[in-house]
């Protein structure tokens, strides 16, 4: 029997429970350690990034900056990597529940930039 290489790594997280409504517009720019990504989709609980960075590790805390692409509005965020999918070239981040700025700005960005 042939064994396929496993290219998806994940950890238990609340992000996977799909409790929050996912948004794909506006697309957010996400910068982690100087590397920029765009979002596939996002919610108040987490971000699904287009791309996999070599420097990030599963289940490790991260910090970065997010904001709508093309907007000067940016916000710092904290979270942890909960899934790395090399086949789909995506990275899932569970956002830190304690960041009040992120919780306030994400819905505002939907109203302000989502209709573009």
Protein backbone atom coordinates (compact mmCIF):
# COMPACT_ATOMS: atom_id res chain seq x y z
CA UNK A 1 0.00 0.00 0.00
CA UNK A 2 1.38 3.42 -0.95
CA UNK A 3 1.58 6.11 1.70
CA UNK A 4 0.89 9.68 0.59
CA UNK A 5 2.91 12.45 2.14
CA UNK A 6 0.84 14.52 4.56
CA UNK A 7 1.04 18.17 3.58
CA UNK A 8 -1.52 19.55 6.01
CA UNK A 9 -0.73 20.15 9.66
CA UNK A 10 -3.26 21.46 12.17
CA UNK A 11 -3.98 21.77 15.88
CA UNK A 12 -7.24 21.89 17.81
CA UNK A 13 -8.71 25.36 17.78
CA UNK A 14 -11.92 27.33 18.01
CA UNK A 15 -11.29 28.74 14.49
CA UNK A 16 -12.17 25.37 12.93
CA UNK A 17 -15.57 25.26 14.61
CA UNK A 18 -16.82 27.81 12.09
CA UNK A 19 -18.73 29.68 14.79
CA UNK A 20 -18.12 33.08 13.23
CA UNK A 21 -19.34 34.31 9.86
CA UNK A 22 -16.53 34.29 7.28
CA UNK A 23 -15.85 37.30 5.08
CA UNK A 24 -13.87 37.42 1.85
CA UNK A 25 -14.39 41.12 1.07
CA UNK A 26 -12.55 43.26 1.87
CA UNK A 27 -9.37 41.31 1.28
CA UNK A 28 -6.95 42.07 4.09
CA UNK A 29 -3.22 42.58 3.87
CA UNK A 30 -1.45 40.65 6.64
CA UNK A 31 2.18 41.25 7.51
CA UNK A 32 4.07 38.80 9.73
CA UNK A 33 7.80 39.33 10.32
CA UNK A 34 8.09 41.50 7.22
CA UNK A 35 6.33 39.01 4.91
CA UNK A 36 3.00 40.07 3.38
CA UNK A 37 0.04 37.84 2.69
CA UNK A 38 -3.52 38.44 1.52
CA UNK A 39 -6.55 36.80 3.09
CA UNK A 40 -8.62 34.12 1.39
CA UNK A 41 -11.28 34.79 4.02
CA UNK A 42 -11.48 35.89 7.64
CA UNK A 43 -13.77 36.22 10.64
CA UNK A 44 -13.67 37.72 14.11
CA UNK A 45 -12.02 34.44 15.19
CA UNK A 46 -9.31 34.04 12.60
CA UNK A 47 -7.65 34.59 9.25
CA UNK A 48 -7.10 32.23 6.32
CA UNK A 49 -4.02 33.46 4.48
CA UNK A 50 -3.02 32.82 0.88
CA UNK A 51 0.46 31.37 1.17
CA UNK A 52 2.70 29.46 3.53
CA UNK A 53 5.73 31.14 5.05
CA UNK A 54 8.81 29.13 5.89
CA UNK A 55 9.46 30.99 9.12
CA UNK A 56 6.16 30.27 10.89
CA UNK A 57 5.50 27.18 12.99
CA UNK A 58 2.32 25.35 13.87
CA UNK A 59 0.79 26.22 17.26
CA UNK A 60 3.24 29.07 17.87
CA UNK A 61 2.14 32.57 18.89
CA UNK A 62 2.57 35.24 16.25
CA UNK A 63 2.11 38.98 15.97
CA UNK A 64 1.51 41.05 12.90
CA UNK A 65 -0.29 43.91 11.23
CA UNK A 66 -3.55 43.71 9.28
CA UNK A 67 -5.64 46.12 7.25
CA UNK A 68 -7.73 46.30 4.09
CA UNK A 69 -5.63 46.17 0.92
CA UNK A 70 -5.27 49.68 -0.49
CA UNK A 71 -6.19 51.37 2.79
CA UNK A 72 -3.92 53.23 5.20
CA UNK A 73 -5.88 51.74 8.10
CA UNK A 74 -3.81 49.10 9.85
CA UNK A 75 -4.04 47.34 13.20
CA UNK A 76 -1.70 45.13 15.22
CA UNK A 77 -2.92 41.63 16.01
CA UNK A 78 -1.82 38.60 17.97
CA UNK A 79 -2.74 34.97 17.46
CA UNK A 80 -1.35 31.53 16.73
CA UNK A 81 -0.89 29.34 13.68
CA UNK A 82 -3.51 26.58 13.74
CA UNK A 83 -3.17 25.06 10.25
CA UNK A 84 -0.57 24.96 7.51
CA UNK A 85 -1.79 23.43 4.25
CA UNK A 86 1.01 23.07 1.72
CA UNK A 87 -1.27 21.50 -0.91
CA UNK A 88 -3.70 24.44 -0.88
CA UNK A 89 -0.91 26.92 0.00
CA UNK A 90 -2.87 28.41 2.90
CA UNK A 91 -2.15 29.21 6.53
CA UNK A 92 -4.86 29.55 9.19
CA UNK A 93 -4.43 31.87 12.16
CA UNK A 94 -6.60 31.88 15.27
CA UNK A 95 -6.83 35.48 16.50
CA UNK A 96 -6.19 36.34 20.12
CA UNK A 97 -9.55 36.99 21.81
CA UNK A 98 -8.07 39.78 23.92
CA UNK A 99 -7.40 42.26 21.11
CA UNK A 100 -10.20 44.83 21.35
CA UNK A 101 -8.88 46.88 18.40
CA UNK A 102 -9.17 43.92 16.03
CA UNK A 103 -12.68 43.08 17.26
CA UNK A 104 -13.78 46.68 16.70
CA UNK A 105 -12.08 47.27 13.34
CA UNK A 106 -12.96 44.08 11.45
CA UNK A 107 -16.73 44.81 11.33
CA UNK A 108 -16.03 48.46 10.50
CA UNK A 109 -13.83 47.42 7.57
CA UNK A 110 -16.65 45.24 6.19
CA UNK A 111 -18.97 48.24 6.18
CA UNK A 112 -16.39 50.72 4.90
CA UNK A 113 -14.48 48.65 2.31
CA UNK A 114 -16.57 45.53 1.68
CA UNK A 115 -18.79 47.04 -1.01
CA UNK A 116 -15.93 47.97 -3.34
